[in-house]
Amino acid sequence: MSQAMSPRTKYMLMNCAIAVTLVYKLWKGAPIAVILIVGVVMFTLVNVVMYFAAKKSTSSPNT
């Protein structure tokens, strides 16, 4: 049986996905100001959500 993915790996994959998306948008010609704003919002949002999800999963007992 496979093990669950570690939170650190999830953080890395989510942040890499956002970075690749922003680089692609830059390559396609999106304005830099929009990319910066979206990047700050997305990185913050994803990391906060992942933090609370990891915190909730460690505090709940396994059944």
PDB file of N, CA and C in Angstrom:
ATOM      1  N   MET A   1       0.844  -1.180   0.000  1.00  0.00           N
ATOM      2  CA  MET A   1       0.000   0.000   0.000  1.00  0.00           C
ATOM      3  C   MET A   1       0.890   1.245   0.000  1.00  0.00           C
ATOM      4  N   SER A   2       0.510   2.268  -0.706  1.00  0.00           N
ATOM      5  CA  SER A   2       1.323   3.475  -0.792  1.00  0.00           C
ATOM      6  C   SER A   2       1.066   4.392   0.401  1.00  0.00           C
ATOM      7  N   GLN A   3       2.084   5.188   0.725  1.00  0.00           N
ATOM      8  CA  GLN A   3       1.968   6.124   1.832  1.00  0.00           C
ATOM      9  C   GLN A   3       1.423   7.449   1.333  1.00  0.00           C
ATOM     10  N   ALA A   4       0.878   8.228   2.283  1.00  0.00           N
ATOM     11  CA  ALA A   4       0.370   9.550   1.944  1.00  0.00           C
ATOM     12  C   ALA A   4       1.541  10.486   1.625  1.00  0.00           C
ATOM     13  N   MET A   5       1.285  11.465   0.793  1.00  0.00           N
ATOM     14  CA  MET A   5       2.315  12.415   0.416  1.00  0.00           C
ATOM     15  C   MET A   5       2.587  13.348   1.597  1.00  0.00           C
ATOM     16  N   SER A   6       3.837  13.667   1.833  1.00  0.00           N
ATOM     17  CA  SER A   6       4.184  14.549   2.953  1.00  0.00           C
ATOM     18  C   SER A   6       3.735  15.983   2.644  1.00  0.00           C
ATOM     19  N   PRO A   7       3.432  16.757   3.693  1.00  0.00           N
ATOM     20  CA  PRO A   7       3.025  18.146   3.462  1.00  0.00           C
ATOM     21  C   PRO A   7       4.089  18.969   2.744  1.00  0.00           C
ATOM     22  N   ARG A   8       5.358  18.680   3.011  1.00  0.00           N
ATOM     23  CA  ARG A   8       6.427  19.422   2.349  1.00  0.00           C
ATOM     24  C   ARG A   8       6.401  19.194   0.837  1.00  0.00           C
ATOM     25  N   THR A   9       6.152  17.963   0.431  1.00  0.00           N
ATOM     26  CA  THR A   9       6.064  17.652  -0.993  1.00  0.00           C
ATOM     27  C   THR A   9       4.864  18.341  -1.620  1.00  0.00           C
ATOM     28  N   LYS A  10       3.751  18.367  -0.905  1.00  0.00           N
ATOM     29  CA  LYS A  10       2.559  19.059  -1.412  1.00  0.00           C
ATOM     30  C   LYS A  10       2.832  20.550  -1.597  1.00  0.00           C
ATOM     31  N   TYR A  11       3.497  21.178  -0.600  1.00  0.00           N
ATOM     32  CA  TYR A  11       3.855  22.588  -0.717  1.00  0.00           C
ATOM     33  C   TYR A  11       4.703  22.831  -1.961  1.00  0.00           C
ATOM     34  N   MET A  12       5.705  21.997  -2.164  1.00  0.00           N
ATOM     35  CA  MET A  12       6.597  22.174  -3.304  1.00  0.00           C
ATOM     36  C   MET A  12       5.857  22.025  -4.630  1.00  0.00           C
ATOM     37  N   LEU A  13       4.993  21.031  -4.734  1.00  0.00           N
ATOM     38  CA  LEU A  13       4.257  20.817  -5.981  1.00  0.00           C
ATOM     39  C   LEU A  13       3.290  21.958  -6.266  1.00  0.00           C
ATOM     40  N   MET A  14       2.585  22.413  -5.238  1.00  0.00           N
ATOM     41  CA  MET A  14       1.629  23.509  -5.438  1.00  0.00           C
ATOM     42  C   MET A  14       2.339  24.792  -5.839  1.00  0.00           C
ATOM     43  N   ASN A  15       3.443  25.110  -5.163  1.00  0.00           N
ATOM     44  CA  ASN A  15       4.176  26.327  -5.490  1.00  0.00           C
ATOM     45  C   ASN A  15       4.825  26.254  -6.866  1.00  0.00           C
ATOM     46  N   CYS A  16       5.310  25.086  -7.244  1.00  0.00           N
ATOM     47  CA  CYS A  16       5.878  24.923  -8.592  1.00  0.00           C
ATOM     48  C   CYS A  16       4.800  25.079  -9.662  1.00  0.00           C
ATOM     49  N   ALA A  17       3.616  24.571  -9.396  1.00  0.00           N
ATOM     50  CA  ALA A  17       2.516  24.702 -10.354  1.00  0.00           C
ATOM     51  C   ALA A  17       2.149  26.168 -10.561  1.00  0.00           C
ATOM     52  N   ILE A  18       2.112  26.926  -9.483  1.00  0.00           N
ATOM     53  CA  ILE A  18       1.795  28.355  -9.596  1.00  0.00           C
ATOM     54  C   ILE A  18       2.908  29.076 -10.355  1.00  0.00           C
ATOM     55  N   ALA A  19       4.162  28.771 -10.030  1.00  0.00           N
ATOM     56  CA  ALA A  19       5.288  29.437 -10.694  1.00  0.00           C
ATOM     57  C   ALA A  19       5.304  29.138 -12.188  1.00  0.00           C
ATOM     58  N   VAL A  20       5.063  27.897 -12.560  1.00  0.00           N
ATOM     59  CA  VAL A  20       5.041  27.527 -13.985  1.00  0.00           C
ATOM     60  C   VAL A  20       3.907  28.251 -14.704  1.00  0.00           C
ATOM     61  N   THR A  21       2.762  28.345 -14.058  1.00  0.00           N
ATOM     62  CA  THR A  21       1.627  29.050 -14.664  1.00  0.00           C
ATOM     63  C   THR A  21       1.950  30.521 -14.877  1.00  0.00           C
ATOM     64  N   LEU A  22       2.579  31.152 -13.889  1.00  0.00           N
ATOM     65  CA  LEU A  22       2.917  32.570 -14.020  1.00  0.00           C
ATOM     66  C   LEU A  22       3.981  32.792 -15.099  1.00  0.00           C
ATOM     67  N   VAL A  23       4.940  31.914 -15.195  1.00  0.00           N
ATOM     68  CA  VAL A  23       5.960  32.027 -16.251  1.00  0.00           C
ATOM     69  C   VAL A  23       5.310  31.858 -17.626  1.00  0.00           C
ATOM     70  N   TYR A  24       4.383  30.925 -17.739  1.00  0.00           N
ATOM     71  CA  TYR A  24       3.673  30.726 -19.005  1.00  0.00           C
ATOM     72  C   TYR A  24       2.885  31.977 -19.394  1.00  0.00           C
ATOM     73  N   LYS A  25       2.209  32.570 -18.412  1.00  0.00           N
ATOM     74  CA  LYS A  25       1.451  33.792 -18.701  1.00  0.00           C
ATOM     75  C   LYS A  25       2.381  34.933 -19.114  1.00  0.00           C
ATOM     76  N   LEU A  26       3.547  35.017 -18.478  1.00  0.00           N
ATOM     77  CA  LEU A  26       4.526  36.030 -18.857  1.00  0.00           C
ATOM     78  C   LEU A  26       5.013  35.794 -20.277  1.00  0.00           C
ATOM     79  N   TRP A  27       5.267  34.536 -20.611  1.00  0.00           N
ATOM     80  CA  TRP A  27       5.731  34.167 -21.938  1.00  0.00           C
ATOM     81  C   TRP A  27       4.679  34.489 -23.001  1.00  0.00           C
ATOM     82  N   LYS A  28       3.400  34.356 -22.648  1.00  0.00           N
ATOM     83  CA  LYS A  28       2.321  34.635 -23.589  1.00  0.00           C
ATOM     84  C   LYS A  28       2.014  36.126 -23.711  1.00  0.00           C
ATOM     85  N   GLY A  29       2.637  36.967 -22.869  1.00  0.00           N
ATOM     86  CA  GLY A  29       2.499  38.405 -23.034  1.00  0.00           C
ATOM     87  C   GLY A  29       1.593  39.104 -22.048  1.00  0.00           C
ATOM     88  N   ALA A  30       1.292  38.490 -20.931  1.00  0.00           N
ATOM     89  CA  ALA A  30       0.472  39.159 -19.912  1.00  0.00           C
ATOM     90  C   ALA A  30       1.287  40.284 -19.263  1.00  0.00           C
ATOM     91  N   PRO A  31       0.628  41.348 -18.842  1.00  0.00           N
ATOM     92  CA  PRO A  31       1.340  42.457 -18.194  1.00  0.00           C
ATOM     93  C   PRO A  31       2.005  42.011 -16.890  1.00  0.00           C
ATOM     94  N   ILE A  32       3.196  42.534 -16.647  1.00  0.00           N
ATOM     95  CA  ILE A  32       3.963  42.121 -15.475  1.00  0.00           C
ATOM     96  C   ILE A  32       3.249  42.497 -14.180  1.00  0.00           C
ATOM     97  N   ALA A  33       2.587  43.653 -14.142  1.00  0.00           N
ATOM     98  CA  ALA A  33       1.879  44.069 -12.927  1.00  0.00           C
ATOM     99  C   ALA A  33       0.795  43.064 -12.558  1.00  0.00           C
ATOM    100  N   VAL A  34       0.075  42.583 -13.537  1.00  0.00           N
ATOM    101  CA  VAL A  34      -0.982  41.599 -13.283  1.00  0.00           C
ATOM    102  C   VAL A  34      -0.375  40.294 -12.784  1.00  0.00           C
ATOM    103  N   ILE A  35       0.719  39.876 -13.385  1.00  0.00           N
ATOM    104  CA  ILE A  35       1.379  38.634 -12.962  1.00  0.00           C
ATOM    105  C   ILE A  35       1.872  38.760 -11.528  1.00  0.00           C
ATOM    106  N   LEU A  36       2.445  39.897 -11.163  1.00  0.00           N
ATOM    107  CA  LEU A  36       2.922  40.091  -9.797  1.00  0.00           C
ATOM    108  C   LEU A  36       1.782  40.057  -8.786  1.00  0.00           C
ATOM    109  N   ILE A  37       0.691  40.731  -9.095  1.00  0.00           N
ATOM    110  CA  ILE A  37      -0.456  40.753  -8.180  1.00  0.00           C
ATOM    111  C   ILE A  37      -1.050  39.360  -8.032  1.00  0.00           C
ATOM    112  N   VAL A  38      -1.272  38.688  -9.142  1.00  0.00           N
ATOM    113  CA  VAL A  38      -1.837  37.337  -9.096  1.00  0.00           C
ATOM    114  C   VAL A  38      -0.877  36.385  -8.390  1.00  0.00           C
ATOM    115  N   GLY A  39       0.409  36.533  -8.619  1.00  0.00           N
ATOM    116  CA  GLY A  39       1.396  35.681  -7.973  1.00  0.00           C
ATOM    117  C   GLY A  39       1.378  35.830  -6.465  1.00  0.00           C
ATOM    118  N   VAL A  40       1.365  37.061  -5.983  1.00  0.00           N
ATOM    119  CA  VAL A  40       1.332  37.295  -4.534  1.00  0.00           C
ATOM    120  C   VAL A  40       0.064  36.709  -3.926  1.00  0.00           C
ATOM    121  N   VAL A  41      -1.066  36.951  -4.569  1.00  0.00           N
ATOM    122  CA  VAL A  41      -2.339  36.439  -4.045  1.00  0.00           C
ATOM    123  C   VAL A  41      -2.362  34.912  -4.060  1.00  0.00           C
ATOM    124  N   MET A  42      -1.961  34.321  -5.166  1.00  0.00           N
ATOM    125  CA  MET A  42      -2.027  32.857  -5.281  1.00  0.00           C
ATOM    126  C   MET A  42      -1.043  32.157  -4.353  1.00  0.00           C
ATOM    127  N   PHE A  43       0.200  32.628  -4.284  1.00  0.00           N
ATOM    128  CA  PHE A  43       1.172  32.002  -3.389  1.00  0.00           C
ATOM    129  C   PHE A  43       0.701  32.092  -1.937  1.00  0.00           C
ATOM    130  N   THR A  44       0.188  33.259  -1.545  1.00  0.00           N
ATOM    131  CA  THR A  44      -0.302  33.428  -0.176  1.00  0.00           C
ATOM    132  C   THR A  44      -1.501  32.530   0.088  1.00  0.00           C
ATOM    133  N   LEU A  45      -2.457  32.543  -0.809  1.00  0.00           N
ATOM    134  CA  LEU A  45      -3.678  31.758  -0.618  1.00  0.00           C
ATOM    135  C   LEU A  45      -3.381  30.269  -0.540  1.00  0.00           C
ATOM    136  N   VAL A  46      -2.603  29.757  -1.453  1.00  0.00           N
ATOM    137  CA  VAL A  46      -2.300  28.322  -1.481  1.00  0.00           C
ATOM    138  C   VAL A  46      -1.531  27.901  -0.234  1.00  0.00           C
ATOM    139  N   ASN A  47      -0.552  28.699   0.169  1.00  0.00           N
ATOM    140  CA  ASN A  47       0.235  28.324   1.336  1.00  0.00           C
ATOM    141  C   ASN A  47      -0.571  28.398   2.634  1.00  0.00           C
ATOM    142  N   VAL A  48      -1.454  29.370   2.756  1.00  0.00           N
ATOM    143  CA  VAL A  48      -2.304  29.458   3.947  1.00  0.00           C
ATOM    144  C   VAL A  48      -3.277  28.284   3.990  1.00  0.00           C
ATOM    145  N   VAL A  49      -3.892  27.965   2.874  1.00  0.00           N
ATOM    146  CA  VAL A  49      -4.830  26.837   2.830  1.00  0.00           C
ATOM    147  C   VAL A  49      -4.105  25.525   3.136  1.00  0.00           C
ATOM    148  N   MET A  50      -2.932  25.337   2.550  1.00  0.00           N
ATOM    149  CA  MET A  50      -2.165  24.116   2.822  1.00  0.00           C
ATOM    150  C   MET A  50      -1.735  24.038   4.287  1.00  0.00           C
ATOM    151  N   TYR A  51      -1.372  25.169   4.881  1.00  0.00           N
ATOM    152  CA  TYR A  51      -0.977  25.194   6.290  1.00  0.00           C
ATOM    153  C   TYR A  51      -2.131  24.737   7.182  1.00  0.00           C
ATOM    154  N   PHE A  52      -3.314  25.301   6.954  1.00  0.00           N
ATOM    155  CA  PHE A  52      -4.462  24.929   7.780  1.00  0.00           C
ATOM    156  C   PHE A  52      -4.919  23.496   7.514  1.00  0.00           C
ATOM    157  N   ALA A  53      -4.797  23.023   6.297  1.00  0.00           N
ATOM    158  CA  ALA A  53      -5.151  21.638   5.993  1.00  0.00           C
ATOM    159  C   ALA A  53      -4.191  20.676   6.692  1.00  0.00           C
ATOM    160  N   ALA A  54      -2.900  21.002   6.693  1.00  0.00           N
ATOM    161  CA  ALA A  54      -1.919  20.148   7.374  1.00  0.00           C
ATOM    162  C   ALA A  54      -2.125  20.194   8.877  1.00  0.00           C
ATOM    163  N   LYS A  55      -2.442  21.357   9.397  1.00  0.00           N
ATOM    164  CA  LYS A  55      -2.674  21.505  10.832  1.00  0.00           C
ATOM    165  C   LYS A  55      -3.910  20.726  11.265  1.00  0.00           C
ATOM    166  N   LYS A  56      -4.962  20.773  10.448  1.00  0.00           N
ATOM    167  CA  LYS A  56      -6.190  20.060  10.777  1.00  0.00           C
ATOM    168  C   LYS A  56      -5.983  18.553  10.699  1.00  0.00           C
ATOM    169  N   SER A  57      -5.227  18.091   9.714  1.00  0.00           N
ATOM    170  CA  SER A  57      -5.047  16.652   9.556  1.00  0.00           C
ATOM    171  C   SER A  57      -4.165  16.065  10.669  1.00  0.00           C
ATOM    172  N   THR A  58      -3.253  16.850  11.219  1.00  0.00           N
ATOM    173  CA  THR A  58      -2.420  16.332  12.306  1.00  0.00           C
ATOM    174  C   THR A  58      -3.123  16.395  13.644  1.00  0.00           C
ATOM    175  N   SER A  59      -4.084  17.308  13.798  1.00  0.00           N
ATOM    176  CA  SER A  59      -4.783  17.413  15.081  1.00  0.00           C
ATOM    177  C   SER A  59      -5.919  16.413  15.216  1.00  0.00           C
ATOM    178  N   SER A  60      -6.462  15.916  14.109  1.00  0.00           N
ATOM    179  CA  SER A  60      -7.567  14.960  14.189  1.00  0.00           C
ATOM    180  C   SER A  60      -7.016  13.540  14.369  1.00  0.00           C
ATOM    181  N   PRO A  61      -7.647  12.758  15.233  1.00  0.00           N
ATOM    182  CA  PRO A  61      -7.161  11.387  15.438  1.00  0.00           C
ATOM    183  C   PRO A  61      -7.498  10.512  14.241  1.00  0.00           C
ATOM    184  N   ASN A  62      -6.638   9.563  13.960  1.00  0.00           N
ATOM    185  CA  ASN A  62      -6.886   8.610  12.878  1.00  0.00           C
ATOM    186  C   ASN A  62      -7.832   7.528  13.371  1.00  0.00           C
ATOM    187  N   THR A  63      -8.811   7.213  12.555  1.00  0.00           N
ATOM    188  CA  THR A  63      -9.772   6.182  12.955  1.00  0.00           C
ATOM    189  C   THR A  63      -9.568   4.942  12.146  1.00  0.00           C
TER     190      THR A  63
END
